[in-house]
Amino acid sequence: LCLALILCLGVWAFRWRINTPGTDALALRQWKNMHVWMVTLPGIGWGSIGLLFVPGAQVNNLLVMTSFAGALAYTSVSNAHDLRGFVVSVTLASILLLSQIPAVFGDQSLAVIGMILLYLSVMAWVARNAHLTLIESIQLRLSNEILAKKNAGNATRAEQANRDKSEFLAAASHDLRQPVHALLLLIEAYRQQVPSAASHPLVLNIAAAGQSISSLFNALMELSRLESGMEKPVLAAFDLSECKARLLARMRPEAERKGLSLRSRVSKRAAHLSLCTDKLLLERMLGNLLANAVCYTEQGGVLLSLRPAHRDSGYWLEVWDTGLGIAVADQARIFDPYVQLANRERDRTKGLGLGLAIVRHASDLLGIGVSLQTCLGRGSCFRMHLPAAMCVTWSEHVPAPATVPLPSMVHPSCWLAGRRLLLVDDDPMIQRAMQALLGSWGMALRVAGSGDATALEACGPDWEPECVLCDFRLPGTLDGIAMLDFLQERYPQAVGILQTGELAQTVQVRAEEAGYMVLFKPVDAAVLASTLATVLNRRKLERG
């Protein structure tokens, strides 16, 4: 009967809880009061178990006492969330049970009552600890939920800040590169048009300042692309030896100026090694390591080594130098941005401190491990681990088609004089700079501000361009790639080149998929001349 009443009371309480909306203080207080009433009846029921005592029946009485002890143990745990319920239930049960003790146990009543009171004290202590543990657990859970929400909010804000930074850099990249691009072109145009002033210290200093600004922009934008995740690797197979030869040729003049030896050592197994990875990112990584080695080595030399790793796990691509070495305390932070251990005075001629940060981010993106082995005062070795899955032999893929070598130009006019070029750019400053520079090279130049009709009008009916140099950002509905597509239909023999200051790699991917070469602003005049001469010479050879 007692159990039936308990079950009915529980069902009624559950329905009352469901039909009572809200979790405010009043609703919680009502629920706690209801819980006290719910545990009152079980307390009376367990206390009534004393009616089962039989004088002299020790086994029966032992079972009754054991049942009562078990009930107390259960109550101490099940009511841990509300000590009032425990107190009410245990008090009622104990009073009813203890009232039966003298009649059943006689002279042993005091000992039995003492044992029961001692057990009650222990159960009270257990109930209190269970209550405190439950409260602490709930508080910890709530704290974790609050912390999780806070961290989620911080993560959301951080992601938004990162997106905002990326959008700002994407917008600022184009706007800031435009004047720098024009400055470099105007400097070179002045040097071409006034040969007597080309070697004047003032002109050389202006050119050096322009190159410094260009290098700063390129490094900052490159690091920003890697940090923001805008850079996506473009996997393709390529011959590593060509990449190494190109970088060594680029670094050799500076090494010779400092009296350093610059050597390459390749094991026989790695002689014909090709990689399937992002060629540009790998070349940036290796170029930055070589540039650092040459910059911070005053005597001795720099060695570029390629050898198999242990147990056929890939290859080691290493840059050794005989420079200053790196202290143990500084080895962990040299891959952070703007850290230059040997340039505390921030001399710009020693770099910007972004090279190793770019190496770290690019290595994470490509899955290439980078490690450092160094000895203070004797030199360093930066080691890149090229995984076996990335390495193939040149015979395992179709060789890249032969390309026309870059012309060795005494003066750009030797290759570009009389060649017809259409420039599509809406920036008047860029237009004037290009007119001055390309005019000094003897090129026939037409300029269009924007729009397909404007471009066709600039060419006229009797003038067909051999090359179209187009900016990516144009007013109107067409961007630079769409404009090149339109002009290619009108002038199929013309070579299309896209100029852009955009950070998004999708621009480069779109342009290359469409078959257009991409130049990133600010463009060095020598690079522009070499590119124009190369593509025009290639097209001339293709025509026969």
Protein backbone atom coordinates (compact mmCIF):
# COMPACT_ATOMS: atom_id res chain seq x y z
CA LEU A 1 0.00 0.00 0.00
CA CYS A 2 2.85 2.36 0.91
CA LEU A 3 4.65 1.70 -2.40
CA ALA A 4 1.40 2.23 -4.33
CA LEU A 5 0.86 5.56 -2.60
CA ILE A 6 4.45 6.58 -3.36
CA LEU A 7 3.99 5.72 -7.05
CA CYS A 8 0.74 7.69 -7.28
CA LEU A 9 2.31 10.66 -5.56
CA GLY A 10 5.29 10.53 -7.95
CA VAL A 11 3.04 10.47 -11.04
CA TRP A 12 1.01 13.37 -9.72
CA ALA A 13 4.14 15.38 -8.93
CA PHE A 14 5.56 14.70 -12.39
CA ARG A 15 2.36 15.91 -14.09
CA TRP A 16 2.33 18.96 -11.85
CA ARG A 17 5.92 19.74 -12.86
CA ILE A 18 5.13 19.39 -16.55
CA ASN A 19 2.10 21.68 -16.28
CA THR A 20 3.97 24.31 -14.25
CA PRO A 21 5.85 26.52 -16.70
CA GLY A 22 8.87 28.60 -15.87
CA THR A 23 12.17 28.13 -14.07
CA ASP A 24 12.06 31.27 -11.98
CA ALA A 25 12.58 31.40 -8.21
CA LEU A 26 8.88 30.91 -7.41
CA ALA A 27 8.58 27.79 -9.58
CA LEU A 28 11.75 26.33 -8.10
CA ARG A 29 10.54 27.00 -4.55
CA GLN A 30 7.21 25.29 -5.33
CA TRP A 31 9.06 22.29 -6.74
CA LYS A 32 11.27 22.02 -3.63
CA ASN A 33 8.19 22.09 -1.38
CA MET A 34 6.58 19.41 -3.49
CA HIS A 35 9.73 17.30 -3.16
CA VAL A 36 9.51 17.52 0.66
CA TRP A 37 5.98 16.15 0.52
CA MET A 38 7.10 13.42 -1.87
CA VAL A 39 9.78 12.15 0.55
CA THR A 40 7.51 12.36 3.62
CA LEU A 41 5.48 9.31 2.69
CA PRO A 42 8.56 7.10 2.00
CA GLY A 43 9.94 8.20 5.37
CA ILE A 44 6.75 7.07 7.10
CA GLY A 45 6.85 3.83 5.12
CA TRP A 46 10.44 2.98 6.02
CA GLY A 47 9.84 3.96 9.66
CA SER A 48 6.85 1.62 9.78
CA ILE A 49 9.18 -1.26 9.05
CA GLY A 50 9.69 -1.44 12.82
CA LEU A 51 6.29 -3.07 13.04
CA LEU A 52 7.97 -6.17 11.60
CA PHE A 53 10.17 -6.59 14.67
CA VAL A 54 9.53 -9.87 16.57
CA PRO A 55 10.89 -10.14 20.12
CA GLY A 56 13.51 -12.88 20.30
CA ALA A 57 13.62 -13.48 16.51
CA GLN A 58 17.19 -12.33 15.92
CA VAL A 59 17.34 -13.25 12.21
CA ASN A 60 14.08 -11.48 11.45
CA ASN A 61 15.12 -8.42 13.44
CA LEU A 62 18.53 -8.37 11.71
CA LEU A 63 16.82 -8.34 8.30
CA VAL A 64 14.60 -5.47 9.43
CA MET A 65 17.60 -3.45 10.65
CA THR A 66 19.50 -4.19 7.42
CA SER A 67 16.55 -3.02 5.31
CA PHE A 68 16.32 0.16 7.35
CA ALA A 69 20.06 0.80 6.97
CA GLY A 70 19.78 0.30 3.19
CA ALA A 71 16.86 2.68 3.03
CA LEU A 72 18.87 5.35 4.89
CA ALA A 73 21.83 4.87 2.54
CA TYR A 74 19.58 5.25 -0.51
CA THR A 75 17.88 8.32 0.97
CA SER A 76 21.21 10.02 1.72
CA VAL A 77 22.16 9.84 -1.97
CA SER A 78 18.80 10.27 -3.70
CA ASN A 79 18.09 13.48 -1.76
CA ALA A 80 21.53 15.01 -2.22
CA HIS A 81 20.02 17.85 -4.26
CA ASP A 82 17.80 18.95 -1.33
CA LEU A 83 18.91 18.30 2.26
CA ARG A 84 15.48 19.28 3.56
CA GLY A 85 14.00 16.17 1.99
CA PHE A 86 16.69 14.01 3.60
CA VAL A 87 16.10 15.55 7.05
CA VAL A 88 12.29 15.16 6.85
CA SER A 89 12.38 11.59 5.51
CA VAL A 90 15.08 10.31 7.90
CA THR A 91 13.60 12.06 10.93
CA LEU A 92 10.16 10.54 10.42
CA ALA A 93 11.58 7.08 9.69
CA SER A 94 13.92 7.20 12.71
CA ILE A 95 11.22 8.32 15.17
CA LEU A 96 8.88 5.56 14.07
CA LEU A 97 11.61 2.92 14.17
CA LEU A 98 13.14 3.99 17.48
CA SER A 99 9.71 3.94 19.13
CA GLN A 100 9.62 0.17 18.56
CA ILE A 101 13.10 -0.57 19.96
CA PRO A 102 12.36 -0.71 23.76
CA ALA A 103 9.48 -3.16 23.31
CA VAL A 104 11.55 -5.50 21.14
CA PHE A 105 15.10 -5.38 22.50
CA GLY A 106 14.45 -4.78 26.21
CA ASP A 107 17.73 -4.37 28.13
CA GLN A 108 19.69 -4.05 24.86
CA SER A 109 17.61 -1.11 23.70
CA LEU A 110 20.17 1.58 24.62
CA ALA A 111 22.95 -0.19 22.70
CA VAL A 112 20.72 -0.66 19.64
CA ILE A 113 19.52 2.96 19.79
CA GLY A 114 23.14 4.14 20.11
CA MET A 115 24.18 2.15 17.05
CA ILE A 116 21.22 3.49 15.08
CA LEU A 117 22.04 7.10 16.07
CA LEU A 118 25.69 6.57 15.14
CA TYR A 119 24.62 5.20 11.76
CA LEU A 120 22.28 8.16 11.31
CA SER A 121 25.19 10.51 12.01
CA VAL A 122 27.33 8.79 9.39
CA MET A 123 24.51 8.93 6.84
CA ALA A 124 23.96 12.62 7.60
CA TRP A 125 27.66 13.25 6.93
CA VAL A 126 27.43 11.26 3.67
CA ALA A 127 24.30 13.18 2.62
CA ARG A 128 25.99 16.51 3.34
CA ASN A 129 29.08 15.59 1.30
CA ALA A 130 26.89 14.31 -1.54
CA HIS A 131 24.95 17.57 -1.44
CA LEU A 132 28.15 19.68 -1.56
CA THR A 133 29.58 17.53 -4.35
CA LEU A 134 26.40 17.89 -6.38
CA ILE A 135 26.33 21.67 -5.86
CA GLU A 136 30.00 21.93 -6.87
CA SER A 137 29.36 19.77 -9.93
CA ILE A 138 26.41 21.92 -10.99
CA GLN A 139 28.40 25.12 -10.45
CA LEU A 140 31.30 23.68 -12.43
CA ARG A 141 28.97 22.66 -15.26
CA LEU A 142 27.39 26.11 -15.34
CA SER A 143 30.83 27.72 -15.28
CA ASN A 144 31.91 25.50 -18.16
CA GLU A 145 28.78 26.41 -20.11
CA ILE A 146 29.41 30.10 -19.51
CA LEU A 147 33.06 29.67 -20.47
CA ALA A 148 32.10 27.68 -23.56
CA LYS A 149 29.65 30.38 -24.63
CA LYS A 150 32.28 33.03 -23.95
CA ASN A 151 34.90 31.10 -25.92
CA ALA A 152 32.41 30.53 -28.72
CA GLY A 153 31.71 34.25 -28.74
CA ASN A 154 35.43 35.01 -28.71
CA ALA A 155 36.01 32.52 -31.53
CA THR A 156 33.19 34.07 -33.53
CA ARG A 157 34.58 37.54 -32.93
CA ALA A 158 38.08 36.36 -33.83
CA GLU A 159 36.81 34.79 -37.05
CA GLN A 160 34.90 37.95 -37.86
CA ALA A 161 37.97 40.06 -37.10
CA ASN A 162 40.03 37.80 -39.33
CA ARG A 163 37.46 38.14 -42.12
CA ASP A 164 37.38 41.91 -41.62
CA LYS A 165 41.17 42.01 -41.79
CA SER A 166 41.16 39.93 -44.94
CA GLU A 167 38.54 42.16 -46.55
CA PHE A 168 40.48 45.26 -45.53
CA LEU A 169 43.70 43.85 -46.92
CA ALA A 170 41.94 42.82 -50.11
CA ALA A 171 40.67 46.36 -50.57
CA ALA A 172 43.80 48.10 -49.30
CA SER A 173 46.07 45.83 -51.31
CA HIS A 174 44.82 47.17 -54.62
CA ASP A 175 44.57 50.80 -53.51
CA LEU A 176 48.00 50.86 -51.87
CA ARG A 177 49.78 48.99 -54.62
CA GLN A 178 48.58 51.34 -57.36
CA PRO A 179 50.75 54.35 -56.41
CA VAL A 180 53.74 52.13 -55.60
CA HIS A 181 53.34 50.43 -58.97
CA ALA A 182 53.21 53.81 -60.71
CA LEU A 183 56.23 55.06 -58.72
CA LEU A 184 58.43 52.15 -59.80
CA LEU A 185 57.41 52.56 -63.43
CA LEU A 186 58.04 56.32 -63.39
CA ILE A 187 61.46 55.87 -61.80
CA GLU A 188 62.48 53.42 -64.50
CA ALA A 189 60.98 55.63 -67.23
CA TYR A 190 63.04 58.58 -65.96
CA ARG A 191 66.20 56.48 -65.94
CA GLN A 192 65.51 55.33 -69.51
CA GLN A 193 64.71 58.78 -70.86
CA VAL A 194 67.54 60.62 -69.06
CA PRO A 195 70.55 58.27 -69.27
CA SER A 196 72.89 60.86 -67.75
CA ALA A 197 70.82 60.84 -64.55
CA ALA A 198 70.41 57.07 -64.36
CA SER A 199 73.41 56.65 -62.06
CA HIS A 200 72.87 59.83 -60.05
CA PRO A 201 72.84 59.07 -56.29
CA LEU A 202 69.48 60.78 -55.86
CA VAL A 203 67.86 58.66 -58.57
CA LEU A 204 69.43 55.51 -57.16
CA ASN A 205 68.16 56.36 -53.67
CA ILE A 206 64.63 56.98 -54.98
CA ALA A 207 64.72 53.67 -56.84
CA ALA A 208 65.97 51.88 -53.72
CA ALA A 209 63.20 53.45 -51.63
CA GLY A 210 60.61 52.33 -54.17
CA GLN A 211 61.97 48.79 -54.16
CA SER A 212 61.94 48.80 -50.35
CA ILE A 213 58.27 49.82 -50.29
CA SER A 214 57.49 47.17 -52.90
CA SER A 215 59.27 44.47 -50.88
CA LEU A 216 57.42 45.54 -47.72
CA PHE A 217 54.03 45.36 -49.44
CA ASN A 218 54.77 41.99 -51.01
CA ALA A 219 55.94 40.45 -47.72
CA LEU A 220 53.04 41.87 -45.69
CA MET A 221 50.42 40.81 -48.21
CA GLU A 222 51.95 37.37 -48.62
CA LEU A 223 51.97 36.80 -44.84
CA SER A 224 48.40 38.08 -44.59
CA ARG A 225 47.22 35.66 -47.28
CA LEU A 226 48.81 32.74 -45.45
CA GLU A 227 47.49 33.77 -42.02
CA SER A 228 43.95 34.37 -43.23
CA GLY A 229 43.72 31.08 -45.14
CA MET A 230 43.20 32.84 -48.47
CA GLU A 231 46.18 31.00 -49.95
CA LYS A 232 45.19 27.57 -51.26
CA PRO A 233 47.91 25.24 -52.55
CA VAL A 234 47.80 24.46 -56.26
CA LEU A 235 49.30 20.99 -56.66
CA ALA A 236 51.28 20.17 -59.79
CA ALA A 237 54.37 18.14 -60.66
CA PHE A 238 57.55 20.10 -61.42
CA ASP A 239 61.29 19.53 -61.65
CA LEU A 240 62.95 20.61 -58.39
CA SER A 241 66.32 21.19 -60.08
CA GLU A 242 64.88 24.05 -62.14
CA CYS A 243 63.53 25.69 -59.00
CA LYS A 244 66.89 25.34 -57.22
CA ALA A 245 68.84 26.67 -60.20
CA ARG A 246 66.59 29.70 -60.49
CA LEU A 247 66.93 30.56 -56.79
CA LEU A 248 70.71 30.07 -56.77
CA ALA A 249 71.04 32.35 -59.79
CA ARG A 250 68.97 34.97 -57.98
CA MET A 251 71.10 34.79 -54.81
CA ARG A 252 74.51 34.51 -56.46
CA PRO A 253 75.14 38.25 -57.09
CA GLU A 254 74.58 39.12 -53.42
CA ALA A 255 76.72 36.19 -52.29
CA GLU A 256 79.56 37.24 -54.60
CA ARG A 257 79.28 40.83 -53.39
CA LYS A 258 79.85 39.60 -49.81
CA GLY A 259 82.62 37.21 -50.84
CA LEU A 260 80.61 34.10 -49.93
CA SER A 261 80.60 30.76 -51.68
CA LEU A 262 77.16 29.60 -52.81
CA ARG A 263 77.09 25.90 -53.65
CA SER A 264 74.60 23.13 -54.31
CA ARG A 265 75.04 19.46 -53.44
CA VAL A 266 72.61 16.79 -54.65
CA SER A 267 72.84 13.07 -53.99
CA LYS A 268 72.60 10.65 -56.92
CA ARG A 269 69.17 9.39 -55.83
CA ALA A 270 67.84 12.95 -55.79
CA ALA A 271 69.40 14.04 -59.09
CA HIS A 272 66.14 13.73 -61.06
CA LEU A 273 63.70 14.44 -58.26
CA SER A 274 60.38 16.09 -58.98
CA LEU A 275 57.73 17.17 -56.50
CA CYS A 276 53.95 17.24 -56.62
CA THR A 277 53.09 20.28 -54.55
CA ASP A 278 52.53 24.03 -54.90
CA LYS A 279 55.55 25.22 -56.85
CA LEU A 280 55.21 28.90 -55.95
CA LEU A 281 54.83 28.30 -52.22
CA LEU A 282 57.78 25.92 -52.10
CA GLU A 283 59.91 28.37 -54.05
CA ARG A 284 58.98 31.15 -51.61
CA MET A 285 59.96 28.97 -48.66
CA LEU A 286 63.31 27.96 -50.13
CA GLY A 287 63.97 31.48 -51.40
CA ASN A 288 63.38 32.99 -47.96
CA LEU A 289 65.72 30.46 -46.32
CA LEU A 290 68.46 31.13 -48.88
CA ALA A 291 68.01 34.91 -48.59
CA ASN A 292 68.33 34.72 -44.79
CA ALA A 293 71.42 32.53 -45.03
CA VAL A 294 73.16 34.92 -47.42
CA CYS A 295 72.06 38.00 -45.46
CA TYR A 296 73.30 36.81 -42.05
CA THR A 297 76.52 35.11 -43.16
CA GLU A 298 79.58 37.35 -43.24
CA GLN A 299 82.26 34.81 -44.12
CA GLY A 300 82.37 31.27 -45.38
CA GLY A 301 79.45 30.28 -47.51
CA VAL A 302 75.98 28.85 -48.02
CA LEU A 303 75.19 25.31 -49.14
CA LEU A 304 71.93 24.05 -50.62
CA SER A 305 71.72 20.29 -50.10
CA LEU A 306 69.24 17.66 -51.29
CA ARG A 307 69.53 14.09 -50.01
CA PRO A 308 67.28 11.11 -49.17
CA ALA A 309 65.81 10.92 -45.68
CA HIS A 310 66.17 7.82 -43.52
CA ARG A 311 64.06 4.71 -44.22
CA ASP A 312 62.76 6.04 -47.56
CA SER A 313 60.56 8.58 -45.78
CA GLY A 314 61.20 11.25 -48.39
CA TYR A 315 64.02 13.75 -48.88
CA TRP A 316 65.82 16.44 -46.91
CA LEU A 317 66.12 19.84 -48.58
CA GLU A 318 68.63 21.74 -46.46
CA VAL A 319 70.12 25.24 -46.36
CA TRP A 320 73.46 25.32 -44.50
CA ASP A 321 75.34 28.50 -43.61
CA THR A 322 78.45 29.48 -41.66
CA GLY A 323 76.79 32.46 -40.00
CA LEU A 324 76.31 33.49 -36.40
CA GLY A 325 74.13 30.60 -35.28
CA ILE A 326 71.07 30.96 -33.07
CA ALA A 327 70.95 30.77 -29.28
CA VAL A 328 68.72 28.12 -27.70
CA ALA A 329 66.53 30.78 -26.06
CA ASP A 330 65.80 32.37 -29.45
CA GLN A 331 65.16 29.26 -31.54
CA ALA A 332 61.45 29.03 -30.66
CA ARG A 333 60.61 32.61 -31.63
CA ILE A 334 62.56 33.14 -34.84
CA PHE A 335 59.54 31.92 -36.82
CA ASP A 336 57.36 34.70 -35.36
CA PRO A 337 56.67 37.78 -37.52
CA TYR A 338 59.05 40.75 -37.27
CA VAL A 339 61.65 38.89 -35.19
CA GLN A 340 65.20 39.76 -36.29
CA LEU A 341 67.84 38.65 -33.82
CA ALA A 342 70.72 40.43 -35.55
CA ASN A 343 68.79 43.56 -36.49
CA ARG A 344 67.54 45.15 -33.29
CA GLU A 345 68.06 48.58 -34.83
CA ARG A 346 65.51 47.64 -37.56
CA ASP A 347 67.83 48.28 -40.50
CA ARG A 348 65.61 47.78 -43.57
CA THR A 349 68.57 46.63 -45.65
CA LYS A 350 68.64 43.48 -43.49
CA GLY A 351 65.07 42.54 -44.29
CA LEU A 352 61.72 42.89 -42.56
CA GLY A 353 61.65 39.86 -40.28
CA LEU A 354 58.79 38.20 -42.17
CA GLY A 355 60.70 35.56 -44.14
CA LEU A 356 60.68 32.78 -41.54
CA ALA A 357 57.07 33.54 -40.56
CA ILE A 358 56.11 32.98 -44.20
CA VAL A 359 58.15 29.76 -44.19
CA ARG A 360 56.29 28.49 -41.11
CA HIS A 361 52.81 29.24 -42.47
CA ALA A 362 53.64 27.86 -45.94
CA SER A 363 55.10 24.67 -44.44
CA ASP A 364 51.92 24.11 -42.43
CA LEU A 365 49.86 24.62 -45.57
CA LEU A 366 51.91 22.20 -47.69
CA GLY A 367 52.56 19.59 -44.99
CA ILE A 368 56.33 20.08 -45.15
CA GLY A 369 58.18 19.78 -41.85
CA VAL A 370 60.76 22.49 -41.10
CA SER A 371 63.42 21.96 -38.44
CA LEU A 372 66.48 23.84 -37.26
CA GLN A 373 69.94 22.62 -36.34
CA THR A 374 72.31 25.34 -35.18
CA CYS A 375 75.49 25.96 -33.23
CA LEU A 376 76.11 29.41 -31.82
CA GLY A 377 79.07 31.02 -33.55
CA ARG A 378 79.41 28.28 -36.19
CA GLY A 379 76.27 28.42 -38.32
CA SER A 380 72.84 26.94 -38.88
CA CYS A 381 70.97 24.41 -40.98
CA PHE A 382 67.31 24.85 -41.86
CA ARG A 383 65.96 21.48 -42.95
CA MET A 384 62.77 20.92 -44.96
CA HIS A 385 61.37 17.38 -44.96
CA LEU A 386 59.75 16.54 -48.29
CA PRO A 387 57.39 13.58 -47.61
CA ALA A 388 57.67 10.50 -49.79
CA ALA A 389 54.08 10.99 -51.01
CA MET A 390 55.14 14.35 -52.46
CA CYS A 391 58.23 13.04 -54.28
CA VAL A 392 58.24 11.51 -57.75
CA THR A 393 60.87 10.98 -60.39
CA TRP A 394 60.82 13.09 -63.53
CA SER A 395 60.00 10.04 -65.60
CA GLU A 396 56.79 9.43 -63.63
CA HIS A 397 54.94 12.35 -65.14
CA VAL A 398 54.78 14.06 -68.48
CA PRO A 399 57.56 16.64 -68.73
CA ALA A 400 56.50 20.22 -68.91
CA PRO A 401 56.60 21.65 -72.41
CA ALA A 402 59.71 23.57 -73.31
CA THR A 403 59.41 27.26 -72.75
CA VAL A 404 61.11 30.14 -74.45
CA PRO A 405 63.97 31.31 -72.21
CA LEU A 406 63.83 34.80 -70.84
CA PRO A 407 65.73 37.08 -73.19
CA SER A 408 68.94 38.57 -71.92
CA MET A 409 68.32 42.24 -72.63
CA VAL A 410 70.93 44.94 -72.86
CA HIS A 411 68.03 47.34 -73.26
CA PRO A 412 64.31 46.48 -73.50
CA SER A 413 64.03 48.35 -76.79
CA CYS A 414 66.15 45.65 -78.44
CA TRP A 415 63.21 43.27 -78.07
CA LEU A 416 60.21 45.54 -77.68
CA ALA A 417 60.70 48.43 -80.11
CA GLY A 418 57.75 48.70 -82.48
CA ARG A 419 55.68 46.03 -80.72
CA ARG A 420 52.01 46.94 -80.33
CA LEU A 421 50.46 46.86 -76.84
CA LEU A 422 46.98 47.77 -75.59
CA LEU A 423 46.82 48.88 -71.95
CA VAL A 424 43.43 48.61 -70.20
CA ASP A 425 43.58 50.44 -66.86
CA ASP A 426 41.28 53.08 -65.39
CA ASP A 427 43.92 54.70 -63.14
CA PRO A 428 45.30 57.86 -64.84
CA MET A 429 48.50 57.65 -62.80
CA ILE A 430 49.19 54.12 -64.07
CA GLN A 431 48.33 55.18 -67.61
CA ARG A 432 50.86 58.04 -67.54
CA ALA A 433 53.55 55.88 -65.97
CA MET A 434 53.08 53.09 -68.53
CA GLN A 435 53.06 55.56 -71.41
CA ALA A 436 56.34 57.03 -70.22
CA LEU A 437 58.03 53.68 -69.60
CA LEU A 438 56.81 51.72 -72.61
CA GLY A 439 57.39 54.76 -74.79
CA SER A 440 61.03 54.77 -73.67
CA TRP A 441 61.24 51.15 -74.85
CA GLY A 442 59.94 52.14 -78.28
CA MET A 443 56.63 50.29 -78.02
CA ALA A 444 53.50 51.38 -79.86
CA LEU A 445 51.00 51.88 -77.03
CA ARG A 446 47.25 52.47 -77.01
CA VAL A 447 45.39 53.13 -73.74
CA ALA A 448 41.78 52.32 -72.80
CA GLY A 449 40.26 53.42 -69.51
CA SER A 450 37.53 50.80 -69.27
CA GLY A 451 34.74 49.07 -71.14
CA ASP A 452 34.79 46.91 -74.21
CA ALA A 453 33.68 49.74 -76.48
CA THR A 454 36.44 52.01 -75.15
CA ALA A 455 39.06 49.34 -75.80
CA LEU A 456 37.88 48.78 -79.36
CA GLU A 457 37.77 52.53 -79.93
CA ALA A 458 41.36 52.87 -78.66
CA CYS A 459 42.56 50.29 -81.16
CA GLY A 460 40.62 51.58 -84.12
CA PRO A 461 39.86 49.66 -87.31
CA ASP A 462 43.43 49.52 -88.65
CA TRP A 463 45.46 48.83 -85.48
CA GLU A 464 45.63 45.37 -83.92
CA PRO A 465 47.51 44.80 -80.63
CA GLU A 466 50.08 42.04 -80.24
CA CYS A 467 49.65 42.10 -76.47
CA VAL A 468 46.87 43.23 -74.12
CA LEU A 469 47.94 44.28 -70.61
CA CYS A 470 44.80 44.56 -68.49
CA ASP A 471 44.14 45.52 -64.86
CA PHE A 472 41.82 43.20 -62.91
CA ARG A 473 39.68 45.87 -61.26
CA LEU A 474 37.79 47.81 -63.87
CA PRO A 475 34.66 49.96 -63.61
CA GLY A 476 31.53 48.48 -65.08
CA THR A 477 30.35 44.90 -65.32
CA LEU A 478 33.52 43.33 -66.74
CA ASP A 479 36.57 42.52 -64.64
CA GLY A 480 40.03 42.14 -66.14
CA ILE A 481 39.66 38.46 -67.01
CA ALA A 482 36.31 38.99 -68.71
CA MET A 483 37.80 41.95 -70.60
CA LEU A 484 40.70 39.80 -71.81
CA ASP A 485 38.23 37.13 -72.93
CA PHE A 486 36.31 39.75 -74.92
CA LEU A 487 39.45 41.18 -76.54
CA GLN A 488 40.77 37.69 -77.31
CA GLU A 489 37.65 37.05 -79.39
CA ARG A 490 38.24 40.32 -81.24
CA TYR A 491 42.04 39.96 -81.52
CA PRO A 492 42.83 36.20 -81.35
CA GLN A 493 46.52 36.73 -82.13
CA ALA A 494 47.07 39.01 -79.14
CA VAL A 495 48.67 37.73 -75.93
CA GLY A 496 46.73 38.48 -72.74
CA ILE A 497 48.48 39.51 -69.50
CA LEU A 498 46.58 40.33 -66.32
CA GLN A 499 47.88 42.84 -63.78
CA THR A 500 46.41 42.69 -60.29
CA GLY A 501 46.96 43.78 -56.74
CA GLU A 502 44.35 41.38 -55.36
CA LEU A 503 45.14 39.05 -52.47
CA ALA A 504 42.59 36.39 -53.41
CA GLN A 505 44.26 33.42 -55.05
CA THR A 506 41.08 32.75 -57.01
CA VAL A 507 42.03 35.62 -59.32
CA GLN A 508 45.32 33.95 -60.24
CA VAL A 509 43.64 30.55 -60.64
CA ARG A 510 40.92 31.98 -62.89
CA ALA A 511 43.44 33.83 -65.04
CA GLU A 512 45.76 30.86 -65.45
CA GLU A 513 42.85 28.55 -66.27
CA ALA A 514 41.89 31.00 -69.00
CA GLY A 515 45.48 30.95 -70.31
CA TYR A 516 46.61 34.41 -69.18
CA MET A 517 49.87 35.26 -67.47
CA VAL A 518 49.51 37.13 -64.16
CA LEU A 519 51.69 39.99 -62.89
CA PHE A 520 51.22 41.16 -59.31
CA LYS A 521 51.50 44.85 -58.54
CA PRO A 522 53.80 46.55 -57.91
CA VAL A 523 55.61 45.15 -60.95
CA ASP A 524 59.33 45.74 -61.28
CA ALA A 525 60.19 47.34 -64.61
CA ALA A 526 62.78 44.67 -65.40
CA VAL A 527 60.22 41.93 -64.73
CA LEU A 528 57.67 43.69 -66.93
CA ALA A 529 60.16 44.07 -69.78
CA SER A 530 61.31 40.46 -69.48
CA THR A 531 57.71 39.19 -69.40
CA LEU A 532 56.64 41.22 -72.43
CA ALA A 533 59.70 40.17 -74.41
CA THR A 534 59.18 36.52 -73.50
CA VAL A 535 55.48 36.26 -74.40
CA LEU A 536 55.86 38.28 -77.60
CA ASN A 537 58.88 36.28 -78.68
CA ARG A 538 57.05 33.01 -77.92
CA ARG A 539 54.04 34.10 -79.97
CA LYS A 540 56.34 35.07 -82.84
CA LEU A 541 57.96 31.62 -82.78
CA GLU A 542 54.54 29.92 -82.66
CA ARG A 543 53.46 31.80 -85.78
CA GLY A 544 56.65 30.64 -87.51
